Amino acid sequence: MKIRRLKGKEKRTSEAQVTSLVDIALSLVIFFIVTLPALLESGIFVKAPGVQNVGGSDPGDDVKVSIYIRAMPDGQTIYELNKEIVDIDELDGYVEALLARSADRIVMVRADGAVSHGDVVRVLDIARQKDANSLALLRGKPLEEE
């Protein structure tokens, strides 16, 4: 292999190799096109608080489904449905009955800071299986330490 040496007046030209940059950009575009439907099909959509729907039913006429999850210091999890303590096994039947009477079919779930994410997701799954139109996650009050 012969090595060519630059003579005095010849200048070295530097051109950017954009082929690999284009390959990376196209790979990212294809990645996002493929993964976007999977992200949108998760089934849980979040709206910013404070947004009101125009033209709904009278708020006094609708049956509310409000679930509060508390974790006790002894490790037990307590589920309150509309301020009444229920067992997790009975929760799906009560939620289904309340949603059948509800016009908006909104389930509000509130949990304190000591509740595990698995318990919250379990309640959200129950509500989604019972055909709730909207799920609302509310910030709960943390347990007060004695």
C-alpha atoms as a PDB file:
ATOM      1  CA  MET A   1       0.000   0.000   0.000  1.00  0.00           C
ATOM      2  CA  LYS A   2       1.406   3.312  -1.015  1.00  0.00           C
ATOM      3  CA  ILE A   3       1.210   6.249   1.376  1.00  0.00           C
ATOM      4  CA  ARG A   4       0.640   9.532  -0.292  1.00  0.00           C
ATOM      5  CA  ARG A   5       2.242  12.551   1.232  1.00  0.00           C
ATOM      6  CA  LEU A   6       0.760  15.995   0.981  1.00  0.00           C
ATOM      7  CA  LYS A   7       2.768  18.519  -0.893  1.00  0.00           C
ATOM      8  CA  GLY A   8       3.167  22.068   0.324  1.00  0.00           C
ATOM      9  CA  LYS A   9       0.089  23.729  -1.198  1.00  0.00           C
ATOM     10  CA  GLU A  10      -2.367  20.826  -1.040  1.00  0.00           C
ATOM     11  CA  LYS A  11      -4.926  21.208   1.703  1.00  0.00           C
ATOM     12  CA  ARG A  12      -6.533  18.432   3.549  1.00  0.00           C
ATOM     13  CA  THR A  13     -10.318  18.500   3.088  1.00  0.00           C
ATOM     14  CA  SER A  14     -12.452  17.381   5.945  1.00  0.00           C
ATOM     15  CA  GLU A  15     -15.953  16.326   5.159  1.00  0.00           C
ATOM     16  CA  ALA A  16     -18.390  15.182   7.794  1.00  0.00           C
ATOM     17  CA  GLN A  17     -19.481  11.611   7.433  1.00  0.00           C
ATOM     18  CA  VAL A  18     -23.261  11.899   7.796  1.00  0.00           C
ATOM     19  CA  THR A  19     -24.127   8.372   6.726  1.00  0.00           C
ATOM     20  CA  SER A  20     -23.902   6.961  10.226  1.00  0.00           C
ATOM     21  CA  LEU A  21     -25.777   9.968  11.652  1.00  0.00           C
ATOM     22  CA  VAL A  22     -28.636   9.413   9.212  1.00  0.00           C
ATOM     23  CA  ASP A  23     -28.706   5.709  10.105  1.00  0.00           C
ATOM     24  CA  ILE A  24     -29.019   6.510  13.802  1.00  0.00           C
ATOM     25  CA  ALA A  25     -31.744   9.113  13.209  1.00  0.00           C
ATOM     26  CA  LEU A  26     -33.791   6.725  11.065  1.00  0.00           C
ATOM     27  CA  SER A  27     -33.346   3.949  13.621  1.00  0.00           C
ATOM     28  CA  LEU A  28     -34.736   6.225  16.337  1.00  0.00           C
ATOM     29  CA  VAL A  29     -37.704   7.203  14.166  1.00  0.00           C
ATOM     30  CA  ILE A  30     -38.519   3.549  13.491  1.00  0.00           C
ATOM     31  CA  PHE A  31     -38.138   2.733  17.211  1.00  0.00           C
ATOM     32  CA  PHE A  32     -40.613   5.434  18.230  1.00  0.00           C
ATOM     33  CA  ILE A  33     -43.084   4.469  15.508  1.00  0.00           C
ATOM     34  CA  VAL A  34     -43.051   0.867  16.716  1.00  0.00           C
ATOM     35  CA  THR A  35     -43.268   1.635  20.465  1.00  0.00           C
ATOM     36  CA  LEU A  36     -45.864   4.443  20.345  1.00  0.00           C
ATOM     37  CA  PRO A  37     -48.913   2.147  19.959  1.00  0.00           C
ATOM     38  CA  ALA A  38     -47.752   0.044  22.911  1.00  0.00           C
ATOM     39  CA  LEU A  39     -47.545   3.154  25.086  1.00  0.00           C
ATOM     40  CA  LEU A  40     -50.999   4.378  24.069  1.00  0.00           C
ATOM     41  CA  GLU A  41     -52.668   1.017  24.707  1.00  0.00           C
ATOM     42  CA  SER A  42     -51.792   0.935  28.415  1.00  0.00           C
ATOM     43  CA  GLY A  43     -55.378   1.875  29.282  1.00  0.00           C
ATOM     44  CA  ILE A  44     -54.600   4.528  31.865  1.00  0.00           C
ATOM     45  CA  PHE A  45     -54.778   8.118  30.687  1.00  0.00           C
ATOM     46  CA  VAL A  46     -54.003  10.995  33.011  1.00  0.00           C
ATOM     47  CA  LYS A  47     -55.556  14.451  32.799  1.00  0.00           C
ATOM     48  CA  ALA A  48     -54.263  17.496  34.590  1.00  0.00           C
ATOM     49  CA  PRO A  49     -56.288  18.456  37.667  1.00  0.00           C
ATOM     50  CA  GLY A  50     -58.491  21.495  37.402  1.00  0.00           C
ATOM     51  CA  VAL A  51     -59.796  20.700  33.935  1.00  0.00           C
ATOM     52  CA  GLN A  52     -63.571  20.633  33.901  1.00  0.00           C
ATOM     53  CA  ASN A  53     -65.779  18.882  31.395  1.00  0.00           C
ATOM     54  CA  VAL A  54     -68.341  21.109  29.750  1.00  0.00           C
ATOM     55  CA  GLY A  55     -71.930  19.884  29.823  1.00  0.00           C
ATOM     56  CA  GLY A  56     -72.074  17.005  32.255  1.00  0.00           C
ATOM     57  CA  SER A  57     -74.788  15.741  34.535  1.00  0.00           C
ATOM     58  CA  ASP A  58     -75.660  17.517  37.750  1.00  0.00           C
ATOM     59  CA  PRO A  59     -72.950  16.610  40.295  1.00  0.00           C
ATOM     60  CA  GLY A  60     -75.555  16.054  43.007  1.00  0.00           C
ATOM     61  CA  ASP A  61     -77.407  13.362  41.032  1.00  0.00           C
ATOM     62  CA  ASP A  62     -74.491  11.067  40.256  1.00  0.00           C
ATOM     63  CA  VAL A  63     -73.491   8.106  42.431  1.00  0.00           C
ATOM     64  CA  LYS A  64     -69.874   8.447  43.528  1.00  0.00           C
ATOM     65  CA  VAL A  65     -67.382   5.606  43.745  1.00  0.00           C
ATOM     66  CA  SER A  66     -64.626   6.691  46.112  1.00  0.00           C
ATOM     67  CA  ILE A  67     -62.060   4.187  47.399  1.00  0.00           C
ATOM     68  CA  TYR A  68     -59.566   5.079  50.133  1.00  0.00           C
ATOM     69  CA  ILE A  69     -56.713   2.660  50.826  1.00  0.00           C
ATOM     70  CA  ARG A  70     -54.931   2.836  54.180  1.00  0.00           C
ATOM     71  CA  ALA A  71     -51.969   0.879  55.424  1.00  0.00           C
ATOM     72  CA  MET A  72     -51.994   0.210  59.143  1.00  0.00           C
ATOM     73  CA  PRO A  73     -48.766   0.072  61.205  1.00  0.00           C
ATOM     74  CA  ASP A  74     -49.223  -3.689  61.708  1.00  0.00           C
ATOM     75  CA  GLY A  75     -49.020  -4.245  57.920  1.00  0.00           C
ATOM     76  CA  GLN A  76     -52.741  -4.703  57.314  1.00  0.00           C
ATOM     77  CA  THR A  77     -54.327  -2.834  54.383  1.00  0.00           C
ATOM     78  CA  ILE A  78     -57.792  -1.349  54.880  1.00  0.00           C
ATOM     79  CA  TYR A  79     -60.064  -0.534  51.936  1.00  0.00           C
ATOM     80  CA  GLU A  80     -62.837   2.031  52.415  1.00  0.00           C
ATOM     81  CA  LEU A  81     -65.537   2.277  49.759  1.00  0.00           C
ATOM     82  CA  ASN A  82     -67.541   5.486  50.167  1.00  0.00           C
ATOM     83  CA  LYS A  83     -66.405   5.691  53.826  1.00  0.00           C
ATOM     84  CA  GLU A  84     -67.375   2.093  54.651  1.00  0.00           C
ATOM     85  CA  ILE A  85     -64.712  -0.542  55.317  1.00  0.00           C
ATOM     86  CA  VAL A  86     -64.925  -3.478  52.909  1.00  0.00           C
ATOM     87  CA  ASP A  87     -62.853  -6.582  52.251  1.00  0.00           C
ATOM     88  CA  ILE A  88     -60.796  -6.635  49.047  1.00  0.00           C
ATOM     89  CA  ASP A  89     -62.640  -9.787  47.893  1.00  0.00           C
ATOM     90  CA  GLU A  90     -66.013  -8.003  48.171  1.00  0.00           C
ATOM     91  CA  LEU A  91     -64.783  -4.781  46.584  1.00  0.00           C
ATOM     92  CA  ASP A  92     -65.402  -5.837  42.971  1.00  0.00           C
ATOM     93  CA  GLY A  93     -69.071  -6.610  43.626  1.00  0.00           C
ATOM     94  CA  TYR A  94     -69.667  -3.298  45.371  1.00  0.00           C
ATOM     95  CA  VAL A  95     -67.843  -1.345  42.683  1.00  0.00           C
ATOM     96  CA  GLU A  96     -69.866  -3.054  39.956  1.00  0.00           C
ATOM     97  CA  ALA A  97     -73.148  -2.251  41.744  1.00  0.00           C
ATOM     98  CA  LEU A  98     -72.214   1.400  42.261  1.00  0.00           C
ATOM     99  CA  LEU A  99     -70.989   1.841  38.689  1.00  0.00           C
ATOM    100  CA  ALA A 100     -74.274   0.397  37.390  1.00  0.00           C
ATOM    101  CA  ARG A 101     -76.087   3.282  39.137  1.00  0.00           C
ATOM    102  CA  SER A 102     -73.540   5.930  38.125  1.00  0.00           C
ATOM    103  CA  ALA A 103     -73.986   8.126  35.053  1.00  0.00           C
ATOM    104  CA  ASP A 104     -70.353   9.236  34.706  1.00  0.00           C
ATOM    105  CA  ARG A 105     -68.840   5.914  35.866  1.00  0.00           C
ATOM    106  CA  ILE A 106     -65.862   7.609  37.552  1.00  0.00           C
ATOM    107  CA  VAL A 107     -63.859   5.781  40.225  1.00  0.00           C
ATOM    108  CA  MET A 108     -61.722   7.888  42.557  1.00  0.00           C
ATOM    109  CA  VAL A 109     -58.886   6.079  44.313  1.00  0.00           C
ATOM    110  CA  ARG A 110     -56.958   7.677  47.155  1.00  0.00           C
ATOM    111  CA  ALA A 111     -54.144   6.025  49.095  1.00  0.00           C
ATOM    112  CA  ASP A 112     -51.922   7.157  51.927  1.00  0.00           C
ATOM    113  CA  GLY A 113     -48.153   7.221  51.627  1.00  0.00           C
ATOM    114  CA  ALA A 114     -47.538   3.826  53.231  1.00  0.00           C
ATOM    115  CA  VAL A 115     -49.685   1.826  50.792  1.00  0.00           C
ATOM    116  CA  SER A 116     -47.783  -0.274  48.256  1.00  0.00           C
ATOM    117  CA  HIS A 117     -48.208   0.417  44.559  1.00  0.00           C
ATOM    118  CA  GLY A 118     -49.429  -3.142  44.062  1.00  0.00           C
ATOM    119  CA  ASP A 119     -52.501  -2.506  46.234  1.00  0.00           C
ATOM    120  CA  VAL A 120     -53.364   0.641  44.274  1.00  0.00           C
ATOM    121  CA  VAL A 121     -52.913  -1.111  40.927  1.00  0.00           C
ATOM    122  CA  ARG A 122     -55.081  -4.001  42.131  1.00  0.00           C
ATOM    123  CA  VAL A 123     -57.930  -1.575  42.927  1.00  0.00           C
ATOM    124  CA  LEU A 124     -57.465   0.203  39.582  1.00  0.00           C
ATOM    125  CA  ASP A 125     -57.633  -3.162  37.790  1.00  0.00           C
ATOM    126  CA  ILE A 126     -60.878  -4.019  39.583  1.00  0.00           C
ATOM    127  CA  ALA A 127     -62.388  -0.690  38.541  1.00  0.00           C
ATOM    128  CA  ARG A 128     -61.227  -1.087  34.946  1.00  0.00           C
ATOM    129  CA  GLN A 129     -62.633  -4.647  34.762  1.00  0.00           C
ATOM    130  CA  LYS A 130     -66.004  -3.339  35.938  1.00  0.00           C
ATOM    131  CA  ASP A 131     -66.049  -0.897  32.980  1.00  0.00           C
ATOM    132  CA  ALA A 132     -65.275   2.365  34.730  1.00  0.00           C
ATOM    133  CA  ASN A 133     -65.060   5.180  32.169  1.00  0.00           C
ATOM    134  CA  SER A 134     -62.539   7.239  34.119  1.00  0.00           C
ATOM    135  CA  LEU A 135     -60.123   6.561  36.936  1.00  0.00           C
ATOM    136  CA  ALA A 136     -58.963   9.357  39.218  1.00  0.00           C
ATOM    137  CA  LEU A 137     -55.909   9.023  41.431  1.00  0.00           C
ATOM    138  CA  LEU A 138     -55.995  11.428  44.350  1.00  0.00           C
ATOM    139  CA  ARG A 139     -53.235  12.264  46.766  1.00  0.00           C
ATOM    140  CA  GLY A 140     -53.953  10.763  50.163  1.00  0.00           C
ATOM    141  CA  LYS A 141     -52.939  11.977  53.558  1.00  0.00           C
ATOM    142  CA  PRO A 142     -49.877  10.177  54.971  1.00  0.00           C
ATOM    143  CA  LEU A 143     -50.174   8.178  58.158  1.00  0.00           C
ATOM    144  CA  GLU A 144     -49.556  10.220  61.258  1.00  0.00           C
ATOM    145  CA  GLU A 145     -46.829   8.794  63.410  1.00  0.00           C
ATOM    146  CA  GLU A 146     -47.680   8.344  67.069  1.00  0.00           C
END
